[in-house]
Amino acid sequence: MQQLEQILTFVLDHKELLATLIVTLLTIIKLTAWGRAKAAALDAVIGVIERLGAKEIKTGVAGQEPKLGAAAQDALHQAVAKVDPKKKAAGP
C-alpha cells in the first residue's frame, strides 16, 4: 500500500515530466513510421525506374545526388542496392 502511495505521489509531483516523456515517445514512434513509409516509397520508385531502364531519370537523380544530405544519399544508395543486384550499397 505504501508503494502505491509513493508511486501516486511521484506521478502527481512530476506530471509535466511524465507528460513530456509520453509525448516524446509518441513523436519518436510517429517519426519512425514516417521514415519507414518514406523508405518504402523510395524503394518502390527506384524499383520502377530500374525495371523501365529510364536513363533520363537515372541521369537526373545522379545529377541531384551531390545536393542531397548524407542521410539522403545513404538512403538512395541503399534503395538502389535493393533493386539493382549489380550495385552494392556503401558500408555503414
N, C-alpha and C. Protein backbone atom coordinates (compact mmCIF):
# COMPACT_ATOMS: atom_id res chain seq x y z
N MET A 1 0.83 -1.19 0.00
CA MET A 1 0.00 0.00 0.00
C MET A 1 0.87 1.26 0.00
N GLN A 2 1.95 1.18 0.76
CA GLN A 2 2.84 2.33 0.85
C GLN A 2 3.52 2.59 -0.49
N GLN A 3 3.86 1.52 -1.22
CA GLN A 3 4.47 1.69 -2.54
C GLN A 3 3.51 2.36 -3.50
N LEU A 4 2.25 1.99 -3.43
CA LEU A 4 1.24 2.61 -4.29
C LEU A 4 1.12 4.10 -3.99
N GLU A 5 1.17 4.46 -2.74
CA GLU A 5 1.12 5.87 -2.36
C GLU A 5 2.35 6.62 -2.86
N GLN A 6 3.52 5.98 -2.79
CA GLN A 6 4.74 6.60 -3.28
C GLN A 6 4.68 6.81 -4.79
N ILE A 7 4.18 5.82 -5.49
CA ILE A 7 4.05 5.93 -6.95
C ILE A 7 3.08 7.04 -7.30
N LEU A 8 1.95 7.07 -6.63
CA LEU A 8 0.95 8.11 -6.89
C LEU A 8 1.50 9.49 -6.57
N THR A 9 2.23 9.62 -5.50
CA THR A 9 2.85 10.90 -5.13
C THR A 9 3.87 11.32 -6.19
N PHE A 10 4.68 10.37 -6.63
CA PHE A 10 5.68 10.67 -7.66
C PHE A 10 5.00 11.15 -8.94
N VAL A 11 3.95 10.44 -9.38
CA VAL A 11 3.23 10.82 -10.60
C VAL A 11 2.62 12.20 -10.47
N LEU A 12 2.01 12.48 -9.33
CA LEU A 12 1.39 13.79 -9.14
C LEU A 12 2.42 14.91 -9.04
N ASP A 13 3.58 14.62 -8.45
CA ASP A 13 4.62 15.64 -8.32
C ASP A 13 5.33 15.91 -9.65
N HIS A 14 5.36 14.94 -10.53
CA HIS A 14 6.12 15.06 -11.77
C HIS A 14 5.24 14.87 -13.01
N LYS A 15 4.02 15.33 -12.97
CA LYS A 15 3.11 15.09 -14.10
C LYS A 15 3.57 15.77 -15.38
N GLU A 16 4.21 16.94 -15.30
CA GLU A 16 4.70 17.60 -16.50
C GLU A 16 5.82 16.78 -17.15
N LEU A 17 6.70 16.26 -16.31
CA LEU A 17 7.80 15.43 -16.80
C LEU A 17 7.26 14.16 -17.47
N LEU A 18 6.32 13.52 -16.86
CA LEU A 18 5.74 12.30 -17.42
C LEU A 18 4.98 12.60 -18.72
N ALA A 19 4.28 13.71 -18.76
CA ALA A 19 3.57 14.09 -19.99
C ALA A 19 4.55 14.35 -21.12
N THR A 20 5.66 15.01 -20.80
CA THR A 20 6.69 15.27 -21.80
C THR A 20 7.29 13.95 -22.30
N LEU A 21 7.52 13.02 -21.41
CA LEU A 21 8.05 11.71 -21.78
C LEU A 21 7.10 10.98 -22.72
N ILE A 22 5.83 11.00 -22.40
CA ILE A 22 4.83 10.31 -23.24
C ILE A 22 4.75 10.96 -24.62
N VAL A 23 4.74 12.28 -24.67
CA VAL A 23 4.68 12.99 -25.96
C VAL A 23 5.94 12.69 -26.78
N THR A 24 7.08 12.66 -26.12
CA THR A 24 8.34 12.36 -26.82
C THR A 24 8.31 10.96 -27.40
N LEU A 25 7.86 10.00 -26.62
CA LEU A 25 7.78 8.62 -27.12
C LEU A 25 6.83 8.49 -28.30
N LEU A 26 5.69 9.15 -28.23
CA LEU A 26 4.74 9.12 -29.34
C LEU A 26 5.32 9.76 -30.59
N THR A 27 6.06 10.85 -30.42
CA THR A 27 6.70 11.52 -31.55
C THR A 27 7.74 10.62 -32.20
N ILE A 28 8.54 9.95 -31.40
CA ILE A 28 9.54 9.04 -31.94
C ILE A 28 8.88 7.92 -32.72
N ILE A 29 7.80 7.37 -32.19
CA ILE A 29 7.09 6.29 -32.88
C ILE A 29 6.54 6.77 -34.21
N LYS A 30 5.94 7.97 -34.23
CA LYS A 30 5.38 8.50 -35.47
C LYS A 30 6.47 8.80 -36.49
N LEU A 31 7.59 9.38 -36.05
CA LEU A 31 8.69 9.68 -36.97
C LEU A 31 9.31 8.41 -37.54
N THR A 32 9.40 7.38 -36.72
CA THR A 32 9.93 6.11 -37.21
C THR A 32 9.00 5.52 -38.27
N ALA A 33 7.71 5.55 -38.03
CA ALA A 33 6.75 5.04 -39.01
C ALA A 33 6.81 5.88 -40.29
N TRP A 34 6.94 7.20 -40.15
CA TRP A 34 7.03 8.08 -41.31
C TRP A 34 8.29 7.78 -42.11
N GLY A 35 9.40 7.57 -41.42
CA GLY A 35 10.66 7.26 -42.09
C GLY A 35 10.59 5.95 -42.84
N ARG A 36 9.95 4.95 -42.24
CA ARG A 36 9.80 3.66 -42.92
C ARG A 36 8.91 3.80 -44.14
N ALA A 37 7.87 4.60 -44.05
CA ALA A 37 6.98 4.81 -45.19
C ALA A 37 7.72 5.51 -46.32
N LYS A 38 8.53 6.52 -45.97
CA LYS A 38 9.31 7.22 -47.00
C LYS A 38 10.31 6.26 -47.66
N ALA A 39 10.94 5.40 -46.88
CA ALA A 39 11.90 4.45 -47.42
C ALA A 39 11.20 3.46 -48.35
N ALA A 40 10.02 3.00 -47.97
CA ALA A 40 9.27 2.07 -48.82
C ALA A 40 8.87 2.74 -50.13
N ALA A 41 8.47 4.01 -50.06
CA ALA A 41 8.11 4.74 -51.27
C ALA A 41 9.33 4.92 -52.17
N LEU A 42 10.46 5.25 -51.58
CA LEU A 42 11.69 5.40 -52.35
C LEU A 42 12.08 4.09 -53.01
N ASP A 43 11.97 2.98 -52.28
CA ASP A 43 12.26 1.67 -52.87
C ASP A 43 11.35 1.38 -54.05
N ALA A 44 10.07 1.70 -53.91
CA ALA A 44 9.12 1.44 -54.99
C ALA A 44 9.45 2.26 -56.23
N VAL A 45 9.73 3.53 -56.04
CA VAL A 45 10.04 4.40 -57.19
C VAL A 45 11.32 3.95 -57.88
N ILE A 46 12.34 3.65 -57.10
CA ILE A 46 13.60 3.21 -57.70
C ILE A 46 13.43 1.87 -58.40
N GLY A 47 12.62 0.99 -57.83
CA GLY A 47 12.35 -0.29 -58.47
C GLY A 47 11.72 -0.12 -59.84
N VAL A 48 10.76 0.77 -59.94
CA VAL A 48 10.12 1.05 -61.23
C VAL A 48 11.12 1.64 -62.21
N ILE A 49 11.92 2.57 -61.76
CA ILE A 49 12.92 3.20 -62.63
C ILE A 49 13.90 2.15 -63.14
N GLU A 50 14.36 1.27 -62.26
CA GLU A 50 15.32 0.24 -62.68
C GLU A 50 14.68 -0.74 -63.66
N ARG A 51 13.43 -1.12 -63.43
CA ARG A 51 12.76 -2.07 -64.34
C ARG A 51 12.52 -1.45 -65.71
N LEU A 52 12.20 -0.17 -65.73
CA LEU A 52 11.95 0.50 -67.01
C LEU A 52 13.25 0.91 -67.70
N GLY A 53 14.32 0.95 -66.93
CA GLY A 53 15.59 1.38 -67.50
C GLY A 53 15.56 2.82 -67.97
N ALA A 54 14.88 3.68 -67.25
CA ALA A 54 14.69 5.07 -67.64
C ALA A 54 15.99 5.84 -67.43
N LYS A 55 16.79 5.92 -68.47
CA LYS A 55 18.11 6.56 -68.38
C LYS A 55 18.01 8.05 -68.06
N GLU A 56 17.01 8.74 -68.58
CA GLU A 56 16.88 10.17 -68.30
C GLU A 56 16.65 10.42 -66.81
N ILE A 57 15.83 9.58 -66.22
CA ILE A 57 15.54 9.74 -64.79
C ILE A 57 16.78 9.40 -63.98
N LYS A 58 17.46 8.32 -64.35
CA LYS A 58 18.68 7.94 -63.64
C LYS A 58 19.72 9.06 -63.71
N THR A 59 19.85 9.66 -64.89
CA THR A 59 20.81 10.74 -65.05
C THR A 59 20.42 11.95 -64.19
N GLY A 60 19.13 12.26 -64.17
CA GLY A 60 18.65 13.38 -63.35
C GLY A 60 18.87 13.15 -61.87
N VAL A 61 18.61 11.93 -61.41
CA VAL A 61 18.82 11.62 -59.99
C VAL A 61 20.30 11.69 -59.66
N ALA A 62 21.13 11.14 -60.55
CA ALA A 62 22.58 11.18 -60.31
C ALA A 62 23.08 12.62 -60.25
N GLY A 63 22.50 13.51 -61.05
CA GLY A 63 22.90 14.91 -61.02
C GLY A 63 22.48 15.61 -59.74
N GLN A 64 21.37 15.19 -59.16
CA GLN A 64 20.88 15.81 -57.92
C GLN A 64 21.52 15.21 -56.68
N GLU A 65 22.12 14.04 -56.79
CA GLU A 65 22.65 13.35 -55.62
C GLU A 65 23.66 14.16 -54.81
N PRO A 66 24.60 14.88 -55.44
CA PRO A 66 25.55 15.67 -54.63
C PRO A 66 24.88 16.76 -53.80
N LYS A 67 23.70 17.18 -54.18
CA LYS A 67 22.99 18.24 -53.44
C LYS A 67 22.27 17.69 -52.22
N LEU A 68 22.14 16.36 -52.13
CA LEU A 68 21.43 15.75 -51.01
C LEU A 68 22.32 15.67 -49.79
N GLY A 69 21.68 15.59 -48.64
CA GLY A 69 22.42 15.40 -47.40
C GLY A 69 22.98 13.98 -47.33
N ALA A 70 23.85 13.75 -46.37
CA ALA A 70 24.49 12.45 -46.24
C ALA A 70 23.47 11.34 -45.98
N ALA A 71 22.48 11.61 -45.14
CA ALA A 71 21.48 10.59 -44.83
C ALA A 71 20.63 10.27 -46.06
N ALA A 72 20.29 11.29 -46.84
CA ALA A 72 19.50 11.06 -48.06
C ALA A 72 20.31 10.29 -49.09
N GLN A 73 21.59 10.61 -49.21
CA GLN A 73 22.45 9.87 -50.14
C GLN A 73 22.56 8.41 -49.72
N ASP A 74 22.69 8.18 -48.42
CA ASP A 74 22.77 6.81 -47.92
C ASP A 74 21.48 6.05 -48.21
N ALA A 75 20.33 6.70 -47.98
CA ALA A 75 19.04 6.05 -48.26
C ALA A 75 18.91 5.74 -49.74
N LEU A 76 19.36 6.65 -50.59
CA LEU A 76 19.30 6.44 -52.03
C LEU A 76 20.17 5.25 -52.44
N HIS A 77 21.38 5.18 -51.91
CA HIS A 77 22.28 4.07 -52.24
C HIS A 77 21.70 2.74 -51.77
N GLN A 78 21.11 2.73 -50.58
CA GLN A 78 20.52 1.50 -50.05
C GLN A 78 19.34 1.05 -50.92
N ALA A 79 18.51 2.00 -51.33
CA ALA A 79 17.35 1.66 -52.15
C ALA A 79 17.78 1.14 -53.51
N VAL A 80 18.79 1.75 -54.11
CA VAL A 80 19.28 1.29 -55.40
C VAL A 80 19.88 -0.10 -55.27
N ALA A 81 20.62 -0.35 -54.20
CA ALA A 81 21.23 -1.66 -53.99
C ALA A 81 20.18 -2.75 -53.81
N LYS A 82 19.02 -2.39 -53.24
CA LYS A 82 17.95 -3.38 -53.07
C LYS A 82 17.38 -3.84 -54.39
N VAL A 83 17.21 -2.92 -55.33
CA VAL A 83 16.54 -3.26 -56.57
C VAL A 83 17.49 -3.59 -57.71
N ASP A 84 18.76 -3.22 -57.58
CA ASP A 84 19.72 -3.50 -58.63
C ASP A 84 20.86 -4.35 -58.06
N PRO A 85 20.81 -5.66 -58.30
CA PRO A 85 21.80 -6.53 -57.67
C PRO A 85 23.23 -6.26 -58.13
N LYS A 86 23.42 -5.57 -59.23
CA LYS A 86 24.77 -5.27 -59.72
C LYS A 86 25.44 -4.18 -58.88
N LYS A 87 24.63 -3.37 -58.21
CA LYS A 87 25.17 -2.27 -57.42
C LYS A 87 25.19 -2.66 -55.96
N LYS A 88 26.27 -2.33 -55.29
CA LYS A 88 26.39 -2.66 -53.87
C LYS A 88 26.23 -1.38 -53.06
N ALA A 89 25.59 -1.52 -51.92
CA ALA A 89 25.43 -0.37 -51.03
C ALA A 89 26.74 -0.10 -50.32
N ALA A 90 27.01 1.15 -50.06
CA ALA A 90 28.19 1.52 -49.31
C ALA A 90 28.06 1.01 -47.88
N GLY A 91 29.18 0.78 -47.24
CA GLY A 91 29.16 0.31 -45.85
C GLY A 91 28.64 1.38 -44.92
N PRO A 92 28.42 1.02 -43.68
CA PRO A 92 27.89 1.99 -42.71
C PRO A 92 28.86 3.10 -42.42
